């Protein structure tokens, strides 16, 4: 039988108090502190491997931060190079002459339009995908382009070519923007408020409305004469040549206000991207913020579509490239990369097609083709929507 005699203890007395203490030869385990400051030292005491976890900021480490800055600088240089190339290459006048600058000034309008479209599409698509918690869908799913097609087709169908040409101006541009934003606000207010608010139902209703407007447009197009159909087809292709310089004094303030409001709420977008439950736990009104962000997105998309026409997959292409290039979840850092990426893609496509392949009319088709291919690739890699 093993000896089970208990270990003797010494009795210590101090001013009438009695305390028990272990014998001196009894081994004691090291104390482990729960203080975060002593965590690394305590892990070394108990023999655990030392591993310092990265921070919870926008970047995992200093290397990711340097990579972001390099990407941002590279995109800025590419944007400047393509912009200068569109202004200078192919200019028939001698560089530095008065005629050279007059032609460059006329080309500047197209560059400004490209910058406006790149900003609208990138910021709107990234915000929309964050709010819907889905990186596959784009704001085009809400029927902006279908509404634009209905407006243009109805104008040609009812007024004819002469009437459409006579109505060109800021009035038509502002009317298109107002109709698109109004439809979106009604849709959001109807389907995202109340007890049974559901963003998935809103997306399905947007698809159905877009399909219905597309069917109406197709019916009216069947009744057009060949000459009217040719004029309409030219207007339904997204192109910077559709924009007029007289639209810009109205378009730029609208997108500047909407873009600044979205960027001012970039921190809330970071929380919204974590899901509805997290928003509720940290005190963010998910429903109100969702409607607010979607209204701002509708303004950006309405201005872009009314300015140059429909560009279905351009926003998706830019957003997908932005996520890959930025390497961060922080929307304050995603938006600058997205805007620069959009401008580089758009200006680069126009520069290559105009001065390399001499095919000015197929730029939007190439962008849509590449964007659609990337869309299919992402779906096939994910395996689900």
Protein backbone atom coordinates (compact mmCIF):
# COMPACT_ATOMS: atom_id res chain seq x y z
CA UNK A 1 0.00 0.00 0.00
CA UNK A 2 1.28 3.40 -0.90
CA UNK A 3 1.75 5.82 1.89
CA UNK A 4 -1.09 8.34 1.82
CA UNK A 5 0.09 10.35 4.75
CA UNK A 6 -0.78 14.00 4.03
CA UNK A 7 2.05 16.43 3.59
CA UNK A 8 2.74 18.23 6.82
CA UNK A 9 2.06 21.96 6.98
CA UNK A 10 3.52 24.54 9.25
CA UNK A 11 1.18 26.63 11.27
CA UNK A 12 2.11 30.28 11.25
CA UNK A 13 0.71 32.67 13.77
CA UNK A 14 0.64 36.41 13.46
CA UNK A 15 -1.19 38.52 16.03
CA UNK A 16 -3.53 35.73 16.94
CA UNK A 17 -4.25 34.65 13.37
CA UNK A 18 -3.49 31.16 12.17
CA UNK A 19 -2.46 30.44 8.58
CA UNK A 20 -1.39 27.28 6.83
CA UNK A 21 1.48 27.27 4.35
CA UNK A 22 2.92 24.54 2.18
CA UNK A 23 6.26 23.08 3.00
CA UNK A 24 9.23 24.65 1.32
CA UNK A 25 10.04 21.63 -0.87
CA UNK A 26 6.55 21.57 -2.51
CA UNK A 27 6.69 22.64 -6.16
CA UNK A 28 4.33 25.42 -7.28
CA UNK A 29 3.12 26.24 -10.80
CA UNK A 30 3.92 29.61 -12.30
CA UNK A 31 1.22 32.22 -12.18
CA UNK A 32 -0.30 33.19 -15.50
CA UNK A 33 -1.53 36.75 -15.76
CA UNK A 34 -4.68 37.60 -17.68
CA UNK A 35 -3.48 41.09 -18.47
CA UNK A 36 -2.97 41.71 -22.22
CA UNK A 37 0.34 43.44 -21.49
CA UNK A 38 1.75 40.32 -19.81
CA UNK A 39 0.32 37.83 -22.30
CA UNK A 40 3.49 37.30 -24.35
CA UNK A 41 5.64 36.83 -21.27
CA UNK A 42 3.19 34.38 -19.73
CA UNK A 43 3.11 32.33 -22.91
CA UNK A 44 6.88 32.01 -22.75
CA UNK A 45 6.66 30.86 -19.11
CA UNK A 46 4.27 28.01 -19.91
CA UNK A 47 6.24 27.04 -23.01
CA UNK A 48 3.75 28.22 -25.68
CA UNK A 49 5.17 29.44 -28.99
CA UNK A 50 5.48 33.18 -29.25
CA UNK A 51 3.17 34.58 -31.94
CA UNK A 52 2.12 38.18 -32.18
CA UNK A 53 -1.21 38.59 -33.93
CA UNK A 54 -1.60 41.29 -36.57
CA UNK A 55 -3.64 44.39 -35.92
CA UNK A 56 -7.30 44.86 -36.73
CA UNK A 57 -6.82 47.91 -38.94
CA UNK A 58 -7.30 48.30 -42.65
CA UNK A 59 -4.11 46.31 -43.40
CA UNK A 60 -2.73 43.12 -41.92
CA UNK A 61 0.84 44.35 -41.82
CA UNK A 62 3.22 46.98 -43.15
CA UNK A 63 3.79 44.99 -46.33
CA UNK A 64 0.09 45.21 -47.24
CA UNK A 65 0.16 48.95 -46.61
CA UNK A 66 3.15 49.43 -48.90
CA UNK A 67 1.48 47.30 -51.56
CA UNK A 68 -1.62 49.50 -51.41
CA UNK A 69 0.43 52.67 -51.81
CA UNK A 70 2.33 51.19 -54.76
CA UNK A 71 -0.94 50.18 -56.47
CA UNK A 72 -2.46 53.61 -55.83
CA UNK A 73 0.59 55.41 -57.27
CA UNK A 74 0.73 53.07 -60.28
CA UNK A 75 -2.94 53.62 -61.10
CA UNK A 76 -2.49 57.39 -60.78
CA UNK A 77 0.45 57.30 -63.21
CA UNK A 78 -1.47 55.13 -65.67
CA UNK A 79 -4.47 57.46 -65.48
CA UNK A 80 -2.26 60.48 -66.18
CA UNK A 81 -0.52 58.69 -69.06
CA UNK A 82 -3.76 57.61 -70.75
CA UNK A 83 -5.28 61.05 -70.20
CA UNK A 84 -2.33 62.80 -71.79
CA UNK A 85 -2.30 60.27 -74.61
CA UNK A 86 -5.94 60.95 -75.45
CA UNK A 87 -5.22 64.69 -75.52
CA UNK A 88 -1.96 64.66 -77.46
CA UNK A 89 -1.80 61.53 -79.64
CA UNK A 90 -3.41 62.04 -83.03
CA UNK A 91 -3.54 65.82 -82.66
CA UNK A 92 -2.88 67.19 -86.16
CA UNK A 93 -1.52 70.54 -84.94
CA UNK A 94 2.10 71.06 -83.83
CA UNK A 95 2.61 70.56 -80.07
CA UNK A 96 2.46 73.84 -78.16
CA UNK A 97 0.67 75.80 -80.87
CA UNK A 98 -2.67 77.52 -80.36
CA UNK A 99 -4.43 75.01 -82.58
CA UNK A 100 -2.98 72.14 -80.57
CA UNK A 101 -4.43 73.48 -77.33
CA UNK A 102 -7.79 74.22 -78.94
CA UNK A 103 -8.11 70.60 -80.07
CA UNK A 104 -6.87 69.36 -76.68
CA UNK A 105 -9.47 71.54 -74.97
CA UNK A 106 -12.24 69.96 -77.03
CA UNK A 107 -10.95 66.50 -76.12
CA UNK A 108 -10.90 67.47 -72.45
CA UNK A 109 -14.70 67.15 -72.34
CA UNK A 110 -14.44 63.44 -73.12
CA UNK A 111 -11.85 63.00 -70.37
CA UNK A 112 -14.10 64.72 -67.84
CA UNK A 113 -17.00 62.49 -68.91
CA UNK A 114 -14.80 59.40 -68.47
CA UNK A 115 -13.82 60.56 -64.98
CA UNK A 116 -17.47 61.16 -64.05
CA UNK A 117 -18.57 57.75 -65.34
CA UNK A 118 -15.64 55.95 -63.66
CA UNK A 119 -16.40 57.61 -60.33
CA UNK A 120 -20.14 56.92 -60.52
CA UNK A 121 -19.85 53.30 -61.60
CA UNK A 122 -17.09 52.35 -59.16
CA UNK A 123 -18.48 54.01 -56.03
CA UNK A 124 -22.07 52.97 -56.79
CA UNK A 125 -21.18 49.33 -57.50
CA UNK A 126 -18.94 48.89 -54.44
CA UNK A 127 -21.55 50.50 -52.19
CA UNK A 128 -24.40 48.47 -53.70
CA UNK A 129 -22.52 45.18 -53.30
CA UNK A 130 -21.69 46.05 -49.69
CA UNK A 131 -25.28 46.91 -48.79
CA UNK A 132 -26.67 43.79 -50.48
CA UNK A 133 -23.79 41.65 -49.12
CA UNK A 134 -23.24 40.16 -52.58
CA UNK A 135 -20.27 40.76 -54.90
CA UNK A 136 -22.00 39.35 -57.95
CA UNK A 137 -24.93 41.70 -58.54
CA UNK A 138 -24.65 45.32 -59.68
CA UNK A 139 -26.96 48.37 -59.50
CA UNK A 140 -28.00 47.67 -63.09
CA UNK A 141 -30.18 44.89 -61.69
CA UNK A 142 -32.57 47.57 -60.38
CA UNK A 143 -33.64 48.53 -63.90
CA UNK A 144 -31.76 51.79 -64.48
CA UNK A 145 -30.69 50.80 -67.97
CA UNK A 146 -34.11 49.36 -68.83
CA UNK A 147 -35.71 52.66 -67.82
CA UNK A 148 -33.18 54.58 -69.93
CA UNK A 149 -34.01 52.32 -72.90
CA UNK A 150 -37.76 52.86 -72.40
CA UNK A 151 -37.34 56.65 -72.28
CA UNK A 152 -35.20 56.77 -75.42
CA UNK A 153 -37.42 54.33 -77.32
CA UNK A 154 -40.63 56.12 -76.32
CA UNK A 155 -39.14 59.46 -77.39
CA UNK A 156 -38.23 58.14 -80.84
CA UNK A 157 -41.54 56.25 -81.16
CA UNK A 158 -43.77 59.21 -80.27
CA UNK A 159 -41.77 62.19 -81.57
CA UNK A 160 -39.71 60.72 -84.38
CA UNK A 161 -36.10 61.52 -85.18
CA UNK A 162 -36.75 65.24 -85.68
CA UNK A 163 -38.53 65.53 -82.35
CA UNK A 164 -35.78 63.74 -80.46
CA UNK A 165 -33.12 65.97 -81.99
CA UNK A 166 -35.15 69.05 -81.10
CA UNK A 167 -35.52 67.95 -77.48
CA UNK A 168 -31.82 67.41 -76.90
CA UNK A 169 -30.56 69.48 -73.99
CA UNK A 170 -30.31 69.75 -70.23
CA UNK A 171 -34.08 69.39 -69.84
CA UNK A 172 -34.07 65.86 -71.23
CA UNK A 173 -30.99 64.94 -69.17
CA UNK A 174 -32.49 66.19 -65.90
CA UNK A 175 -35.82 64.50 -66.69
CA UNK A 176 -34.10 61.14 -67.17
CA UNK A 177 -32.17 61.53 -63.91
CA UNK A 178 -35.32 62.51 -62.02
CA UNK A 179 -37.31 59.55 -63.38
CA UNK A 180 -34.58 57.04 -62.52
CA UNK A 181 -34.04 58.37 -59.01
CA UNK A 182 -37.80 58.64 -58.42
CA UNK A 183 -38.39 55.03 -59.44
CA UNK A 184 -35.58 53.84 -57.19
CA UNK A 185 -36.80 55.81 -54.17
CA UNK A 186 -40.33 54.46 -54.59
CA UNK A 187 -38.97 50.93 -54.88
CA UNK A 188 -36.75 51.25 -51.80
CA UNK A 189 -39.43 52.96 -49.73
CA UNK A 190 -41.98 50.29 -50.61
CA UNK A 191 -39.88 47.17 -50.16
CA UNK A 192 -37.33 48.12 -47.49
CA UNK A 193 -39.62 49.61 -44.85
CA UNK A 194 -41.99 47.97 -42.48
CA UNK A 195 -41.94 44.78 -40.50
CA UNK A 196 -41.25 42.45 -43.43
CA UNK A 197 -38.57 44.49 -45.20
CA UNK A 198 -36.43 42.20 -47.32
CA UNK A 199 -33.63 43.23 -49.65
CA UNK A 200 -33.82 39.95 -51.60
CA UNK A 201 -37.45 40.67 -52.48
CA UNK A 202 -36.43 44.16 -53.58
CA UNK A 203 -33.82 42.71 -55.93
CA UNK A 204 -36.32 40.25 -57.42
CA UNK A 205 -38.86 43.01 -57.96
CA UNK A 206 -36.15 45.12 -59.62
CA UNK A 207 -35.37 42.26 -62.01
CA UNK A 208 -39.05 41.83 -62.88
CA UNK A 209 -39.56 45.56 -63.47
CA UNK A 210 -36.44 45.70 -65.63
CA UNK A 211 -37.63 42.73 -67.68
CA UNK A 212 -41.06 44.30 -68.15
CA UNK A 213 -39.62 47.60 -69.32
CA UNK A 214 -37.29 45.72 -71.67
CA UNK A 215 -40.29 43.95 -73.21
CA UNK A 216 -42.10 47.26 -73.71
CA UNK A 217 -39.00 48.74 -75.36
CA UNK A 218 -38.70 45.76 -77.70
CA UNK A 219 -42.35 46.09 -78.72
CA UNK A 220 -41.96 49.78 -79.60
CA UNK A 221 -38.70 49.12 -81.46
CA UNK A 222 -40.51 46.64 -83.70
CA UNK A 223 -42.79 49.44 -84.86
CA UNK A 224 -40.04 51.90 -85.75
CA UNK A 225 -38.93 52.65 -89.27
CA UNK A 226 -35.39 51.57 -90.27
CA UNK A 227 -34.06 55.13 -90.06
CA UNK A 228 -35.60 55.69 -86.62
CA UNK A 229 -34.26 52.35 -85.42
CA UNK A 230 -30.73 53.28 -86.56
CA UNK A 231 -30.87 56.54 -84.62
CA UNK A 232 -32.18 54.76 -81.53
CA UNK A 233 -29.56 52.00 -81.71
CA UNK A 234 -26.76 54.55 -81.77
CA UNK A 235 -28.16 56.14 -78.61
CA UNK A 236 -28.56 52.85 -76.75
CA UNK A 237 -24.84 52.02 -76.90
CA UNK A 238 -22.90 53.38 -73.97
CA UNK A 239 -20.38 55.91 -75.29
CA UNK A 240 -18.77 59.11 -74.06
CA UNK A 241 -19.78 60.73 -77.33
CA UNK A 242 -23.41 60.61 -76.15
CA UNK A 243 -22.58 63.16 -73.46
CA UNK A 244 -22.68 66.89 -74.05
CA UNK A 245 -20.58 69.50 -72.29
CA UNK A 246 -23.75 71.32 -71.23
CA UNK A 247 -24.71 68.34 -69.03
CA UNK A 248 -21.54 68.52 -66.91
CA UNK A 249 -22.42 71.64 -64.83
CA UNK A 250 -25.44 69.69 -63.55
CA UNK A 251 -23.91 66.22 -63.37
CA UNK A 252 -20.71 67.08 -61.49
CA UNK A 253 -22.38 68.78 -58.46
CA UNK A 254 -24.89 65.92 -58.13
CA UNK A 255 -22.27 63.17 -58.12
CA UNK A 256 -19.94 65.23 -55.91
CA UNK A 257 -22.60 65.58 -53.21
CA UNK A 258 -23.68 61.93 -53.45
CA UNK A 259 -20.07 60.70 -53.49
CA UNK A 260 -19.06 62.82 -50.48
CA UNK A 261 -22.05 61.60 -48.49
CA UNK A 262 -21.16 57.99 -49.27
CA UNK A 263 -17.51 58.52 -48.33
CA UNK A 264 -18.55 60.27 -45.12
CA UNK A 265 -20.38 57.06 -44.18
CA UNK A 266 -17.51 54.74 -45.16
CA UNK A 267 -17.11 53.55 -41.56
CA UNK A 268 -20.77 52.59 -41.41
CA UNK A 269 -20.36 50.70 -44.67
CA UNK A 270 -17.57 48.72 -43.02
CA UNK A 271 -20.04 47.71 -40.31
CA UNK A 272 -22.87 47.02 -42.80
CA UNK A 273 -20.58 44.63 -44.68
CA UNK A 274 -20.47 42.46 -41.53
CA UNK A 275 -24.20 41.78 -41.68
CA UNK A 276 -27.47 42.95 -40.17
CA UNK A 277 -26.97 41.25 -36.80
CA UNK A 278 -23.61 42.94 -36.23
CA UNK A 279 -25.12 46.33 -37.14
CA UNK A 280 -27.88 45.87 -34.59
CA UNK A 281 -25.40 44.79 -31.89
CA UNK A 282 -23.19 47.85 -32.35
CA UNK A 283 -26.10 50.29 -32.59
CA UNK A 284 -26.23 50.97 -36.34
CA UNK A 285 -29.72 51.29 -37.83
CA UNK A 286 -29.31 48.76 -40.65
CA UNK A 287 -32.63 49.46 -42.39
CA UNK A 288 -32.27 53.23 -42.39
CA UNK A 289 -28.64 53.16 -43.50
CA UNK A 290 -29.47 50.69 -46.28
CA UNK A 291 -32.17 52.93 -47.75
CA UNK A 292 -29.92 55.99 -47.39
CA UNK A 293 -27.02 54.32 -49.21
CA UNK A 294 -29.25 52.93 -51.97
CA UNK A 295 -30.74 56.36 -52.67
CA UNK A 296 -27.24 57.81 -53.08
CA UNK A 297 -26.32 54.86 -55.31
CA UNK A 298 -29.39 55.54 -57.47
CA UNK A 299 -28.27 59.16 -57.97
CA UNK A 300 -24.82 58.08 -59.14
CA UNK A 301 -26.21 55.41 -61.47
CA UNK A 302 -28.89 57.71 -62.86
CA UNK A 303 -26.36 60.41 -63.71
CA UNK A 304 -23.96 57.94 -65.33
CA UNK A 305 -26.66 56.21 -67.40
CA UNK A 306 -28.31 59.44 -68.51
CA UNK A 307 -24.92 60.90 -69.43
CA UNK A 308 -23.39 58.14 -71.60
CA UNK A 309 -25.98 55.38 -71.82
CA UNK A 310 -26.09 51.83 -70.43
CA UNK A 311 -22.84 50.06 -69.47
CA UNK A 312 -24.03 46.85 -67.82
CA UNK A 313 -20.80 45.10 -66.83
CA UNK A 314 -18.43 48.04 -66.52
CA UNK A 315 -19.21 48.60 -62.84
CA UNK A 316 -18.85 44.90 -62.05
CA UNK A 317 -15.49 44.73 -63.83
CA UNK A 318 -14.16 47.77 -61.96
CA UNK A 319 -15.41 46.57 -58.57
CA UNK A 320 -13.90 43.10 -59.05
CA UNK A 321 -10.52 44.57 -60.01
CA UNK A 322 -10.70 46.95 -57.05
CA UNK A 323 -11.14 44.16 -54.52
CA UNK A 324 -8.15 42.34 -55.97
CA UNK A 325 -5.88 45.39 -56.16
CA UNK A 326 -6.72 47.12 -52.87
CA UNK A 327 -6.23 44.15 -50.54
CA UNK A 328 -8.33 45.76 -47.78
CA UNK A 329 -11.90 45.83 -46.56
CA UNK A 330 -11.92 49.52 -45.57
CA UNK A 331 -14.21 51.49 -47.88
CA UNK A 332 -12.24 54.68 -47.26
CA UNK A 333 -9.40 53.00 -49.15
CA UNK A 334 -11.51 51.04 -51.64
CA UNK A 335 -13.16 54.10 -53.21
CA UNK A 336 -9.95 55.85 -54.41
CA UNK A 337 -8.65 52.61 -55.93
CA UNK A 338 -12.05 52.00 -57.56
CA UNK A 339 -12.28 55.46 -59.12
CA UNK A 340 -8.74 55.27 -60.51
CA UNK A 341 -9.27 51.72 -61.77
CA UNK A 342 -12.46 52.77 -63.56
CA UNK A 343 -10.73 55.69 -65.26
CA UNK A 344 -7.72 53.58 -66.28
CA UNK A 345 -9.98 50.88 -67.76
CA UNK A 346 -12.19 53.37 -69.63
CA UNK A 347 -9.47 55.75 -70.82
CA UNK A 348 -7.13 52.88 -71.64
CA UNK A 349 -9.82 51.13 -73.70
CA UNK A 350 -10.54 54.30 -75.67
CA UNK A 351 -6.84 54.99 -76.22
CA UNK A 352 -6.09 51.47 -77.46
CA UNK A 353 -9.16 51.21 -79.67
CA UNK A 354 -8.78 54.72 -81.13
CA UNK A 355 -5.03 54.81 -81.75
CA UNK A 356 -4.01 51.15 -82.07
CA UNK A 357 -6.94 49.38 -83.75
CA UNK A 358 -8.66 52.52 -85.14
CA UNK A 359 -12.07 51.20 -84.09
CA UNK A 360 -13.67 54.10 -82.26
CA UNK A 361 -17.20 52.72 -82.25
CA UNK A 362 -16.62 49.39 -80.50
CA UNK A 363 -15.13 50.54 -77.17
CA UNK A 364 -18.28 49.94 -75.14
CA UNK A 365 -18.77 46.57 -76.82
CA UNK A 366 -15.24 45.48 -75.85
CA UNK A 367 -15.72 46.67 -72.26
CA UNK A 368 -19.02 44.81 -71.99
CA UNK A 369 -17.46 41.69 -73.48
CA UNK A 370 -14.56 41.71 -71.02
CA UNK A 371 -16.84 42.56 -68.11
CA UNK A 372 -19.29 39.80 -69.02
CA UNK A 373 -16.46 37.28 -69.28
CA UNK A 374 -15.16 38.26 -65.84
CA UNK A 375 -18.71 37.97 -64.50
CA UNK A 376 -19.04 34.40 -65.78
CA UNK A 377 -15.58 33.52 -64.47
CA UNK A 378 -16.42 34.76 -60.98
CA UNK A 379 -19.70 32.82 -60.94
CA UNK A 380 -18.02 29.61 -62.09
CA UNK A 381 -15.26 29.94 -59.51
CA UNK A 382 -17.68 30.62 -56.66
CA UNK A 383 -20.10 27.95 -57.80
CA UNK A 384 -23.10 29.96 -56.62
CA UNK A 385 -24.65 33.40 -56.74
